[in-house]
Amino acid sequence: MKRIFLILVTFVVALFGLTFAVHNPQQVEVHYYLDWTWRGSLTLVLFLTLTVGLLIGWIAGRLRGFILKKQANRQSRTGVDSRNVALTPRNVSRQFDDVNE
């Protein structure tokens, strides 16, 4: 059931993207620094913007996961029970301050 739902959602999103591309065929100019200009379709510009945004969000999420995993490993080495403490930088620093006192 879940697989059918995901296929249906993917189909609907692709259909919206296709109809958007058909209804907006005009060319746009994108101006960058140093007088560099790129000319392309509106659909391509929006698709590239979406792709870059998703990539940046994915990298940020992976980085946060790496940092939290590193903090959890550090806590396990110091003998702190990580099940009772949320893994946020603020709580980790408080916890180490309590241990040092």
C-alpha atoms as a PDB file:
ATOM      1  CA  MET A   1       0.000   0.000   0.000  1.00  0.00           C
ATOM      2  CA  LYS A   2       2.816   2.365   0.911  1.00  0.00           C
ATOM      3  CA  ARG A   3       4.600   1.630  -2.363  1.00  0.00           C
ATOM      4  CA  ILE A   4       1.469   2.393  -4.394  1.00  0.00           C
ATOM      5  CA  PHE A   5       1.028   5.662  -2.502  1.00  0.00           C
ATOM      6  CA  LEU A   6       4.633   6.708  -3.200  1.00  0.00           C
ATOM      7  CA  ILE A   7       4.253   5.858  -6.896  1.00  0.00           C
ATOM      8  CA  LEU A   8       1.038   7.890  -7.055  1.00  0.00           C
ATOM      9  CA  VAL A   9       2.611  10.905  -5.306  1.00  0.00           C
ATOM     10  CA  THR A  10       5.648  10.717  -7.615  1.00  0.00           C
ATOM     11  CA  PHE A  11       3.373  10.592 -10.648  1.00  0.00           C
ATOM     12  CA  VAL A  12       1.336  13.609  -9.491  1.00  0.00           C
ATOM     13  CA  VAL A  13       4.472  15.672  -8.748  1.00  0.00           C
ATOM     14  CA  ALA A  14       5.958  14.747 -12.150  1.00  0.00           C
ATOM     15  CA  LEU A  15       2.675  15.688 -13.829  1.00  0.00           C
ATOM     16  CA  PHE A  16       2.689  19.111 -12.136  1.00  0.00           C
ATOM     17  CA  GLY A  17       6.316  19.625 -13.187  1.00  0.00           C
ATOM     18  CA  LEU A  18       5.540  18.673 -16.776  1.00  0.00           C
ATOM     19  CA  THR A  19       2.513  20.950 -17.031  1.00  0.00           C
ATOM     20  CA  PHE A  20       4.516  23.792 -15.472  1.00  0.00           C
ATOM     21  CA  ALA A  21       7.258  23.316 -18.072  1.00  0.00           C
ATOM     22  CA  VAL A  22       4.726  23.305 -20.918  1.00  0.00           C
ATOM     23  CA  HIS A  23       2.969  26.464 -19.706  1.00  0.00           C
ATOM     24  CA  ASN A  24       6.208  28.424 -19.059  1.00  0.00           C
ATOM     25  CA  PRO A  25       8.469  28.021 -22.097  1.00  0.00           C
ATOM     26  CA  GLN A  26       9.895  31.558 -21.966  1.00  0.00           C
ATOM     27  CA  GLN A  27      13.595  32.296 -21.631  1.00  0.00           C
ATOM     28  CA  VAL A  28      14.986  34.141 -18.604  1.00  0.00           C
ATOM     29  CA  GLU A  29      18.320  35.823 -17.947  1.00  0.00           C
ATOM     30  CA  VAL A  30      20.170  35.195 -14.722  1.00  0.00           C
ATOM     31  CA  HIS A  31      22.833  37.789 -13.869  1.00  0.00           C
ATOM     32  CA  TYR A  32      25.787  36.819 -11.683  1.00  0.00           C
ATOM     33  CA  TYR A  33      28.705  38.749 -10.308  1.00  0.00           C
ATOM     34  CA  LEU A  34      31.425  40.085 -12.612  1.00  0.00           C
ATOM     35  CA  ASP A  35      28.871  40.726 -15.393  1.00  0.00           C
ATOM     36  CA  TRP A  36      28.397  37.032 -16.081  1.00  0.00           C
ATOM     37  CA  THR A  37      24.954  36.295 -17.568  1.00  0.00           C
ATOM     38  CA  TRP A  38      23.250  32.986 -18.243  1.00  0.00           C
ATOM     39  CA  ARG A  39      20.180  32.593 -20.429  1.00  0.00           C
ATOM     40  CA  GLY A  40      17.915  29.562 -20.128  1.00  0.00           C
ATOM     41  CA  SER A  41      14.369  28.399 -19.637  1.00  0.00           C
ATOM     42  CA  LEU A  42      12.430  29.333 -16.522  1.00  0.00           C
ATOM     43  CA  THR A  43      11.743  25.673 -15.801  1.00  0.00           C
ATOM     44  CA  LEU A  44      15.440  24.799 -15.875  1.00  0.00           C
ATOM     45  CA  VAL A  45      16.332  27.694 -13.573  1.00  0.00           C
ATOM     46  CA  LEU A  46      13.702  26.636 -11.024  1.00  0.00           C
ATOM     47  CA  PHE A  47      14.714  22.972 -11.271  1.00  0.00           C
ATOM     48  CA  LEU A  48      18.383  23.830 -10.691  1.00  0.00           C
ATOM     49  CA  THR A  49      17.441  26.043  -7.752  1.00  0.00           C
ATOM     50  CA  LEU A  50      15.390  23.233  -6.221  1.00  0.00           C
ATOM     51  CA  THR A  51      18.207  20.740  -6.765  1.00  0.00           C
ATOM     52  CA  VAL A  52      20.832  22.986  -5.170  1.00  0.00           C
ATOM     53  CA  GLY A  53      18.517  23.648  -2.195  1.00  0.00           C
ATOM     54  CA  LEU A  54      17.863  19.947  -1.680  1.00  0.00           C
ATOM     55  CA  LEU A  55      21.584  19.206  -1.900  1.00  0.00           C
ATOM     56  CA  ILE A  56      22.446  21.867   0.671  1.00  0.00           C
ATOM     57  CA  GLY A  57      19.722  20.566   3.012  1.00  0.00           C
ATOM     58  CA  TRP A  58      20.920  16.974   2.597  1.00  0.00           C
ATOM     59  CA  ILE A  59      24.524  17.956   3.350  1.00  0.00           C
ATOM     60  CA  ALA A  60      23.438  19.938   6.426  1.00  0.00           C
ATOM     61  CA  GLY A  61      21.418  16.969   7.694  1.00  0.00           C
ATOM     62  CA  ARG A  62      24.315  14.559   7.167  1.00  0.00           C
ATOM     63  CA  LEU A  63      26.672  16.955   8.965  1.00  0.00           C
ATOM     64  CA  ARG A  64      24.287  17.252  11.913  1.00  0.00           C
ATOM     65  CA  GLY A  65      23.960  13.459  12.075  1.00  0.00           C
ATOM     66  CA  PHE A  66      27.740  13.111  12.044  1.00  0.00           C
ATOM     67  CA  ILE A  67      28.102  15.644  14.874  1.00  0.00           C
ATOM     68  CA  LEU A  68      25.406  13.950  16.987  1.00  0.00           C
ATOM     69  CA  LYS A  69      26.990  10.542  16.413  1.00  0.00           C
ATOM     70  CA  LYS A  70      30.359  11.917  17.488  1.00  0.00           C
ATOM     71  CA  GLN A  71      28.788  13.379  20.650  1.00  0.00           C
ATOM     72  CA  ALA A  72      27.082  10.066  21.423  1.00  0.00           C
ATOM     73  CA  ASN A  73      30.381   8.209  21.049  1.00  0.00           C
ATOM     74  CA  ARG A  74      32.077  10.731  23.333  1.00  0.00           C
ATOM     75  CA  GLN A  75      29.326  10.271  25.932  1.00  0.00           C
ATOM     76  CA  SER A  76      29.595   6.499  25.805  1.00  0.00           C
ATOM     77  CA  ARG A  77      33.350   6.708  26.428  1.00  0.00           C
ATOM     78  CA  THR A  78      32.821   8.913  29.512  1.00  0.00           C
ATOM     79  CA  GLY A  79      30.188   6.564  30.937  1.00  0.00           C
ATOM     80  CA  VAL A  80      27.225   8.944  30.633  1.00  0.00           C
ATOM     81  CA  ASP A  81      23.891   7.245  29.955  1.00  0.00           C
ATOM     82  CA  SER A  82      22.810   8.755  26.641  1.00  0.00           C
ATOM     83  CA  ARG A  83      19.258   7.394  26.923  1.00  0.00           C
ATOM     84  CA  ASN A  84      18.363   9.993  29.550  1.00  0.00           C
ATOM     85  CA  VAL A  85      19.796  13.042  27.799  1.00  0.00           C
ATOM     86  CA  ALA A  86      18.756  14.637  24.521  1.00  0.00           C
ATOM     87  CA  LEU A  87      21.744  15.000  22.210  1.00  0.00           C
ATOM     88  CA  THR A  88      21.940  18.720  21.760  1.00  0.00           C
ATOM     89  CA  PRO A  89      25.132  20.745  22.149  1.00  0.00           C
ATOM     90  CA  ARG A  90      23.617  22.691  25.042  1.00  0.00           C
ATOM     91  CA  ASN A  91      22.751  19.573  27.064  1.00  0.00           C
ATOM     92  CA  VAL A  92      26.097  17.941  26.340  1.00  0.00           C
ATOM     93  CA  SER A  93      28.045  20.942  27.614  1.00  0.00           C
ATOM     94  CA  ARG A  94      25.861  21.135  30.754  1.00  0.00           C
ATOM     95  CA  GLN A  95      26.389  17.460  31.371  1.00  0.00           C
ATOM     96  CA  PHE A  96      30.163  17.763  31.175  1.00  0.00           C
ATOM     97  CA  ASP A  97      30.061  20.783  33.494  1.00  0.00           C
ATOM     98  CA  ASP A  98      28.129  18.703  36.061  1.00  0.00           C
ATOM     99  CA  VAL A  99      30.677  15.880  35.838  1.00  0.00           C
ATOM    100  CA  ASN A 100      33.619  18.246  36.334  1.00  0.00           C
ATOM    101  CA  GLU A 101      32.203  19.837  39.492  1.00  0.00           C
END
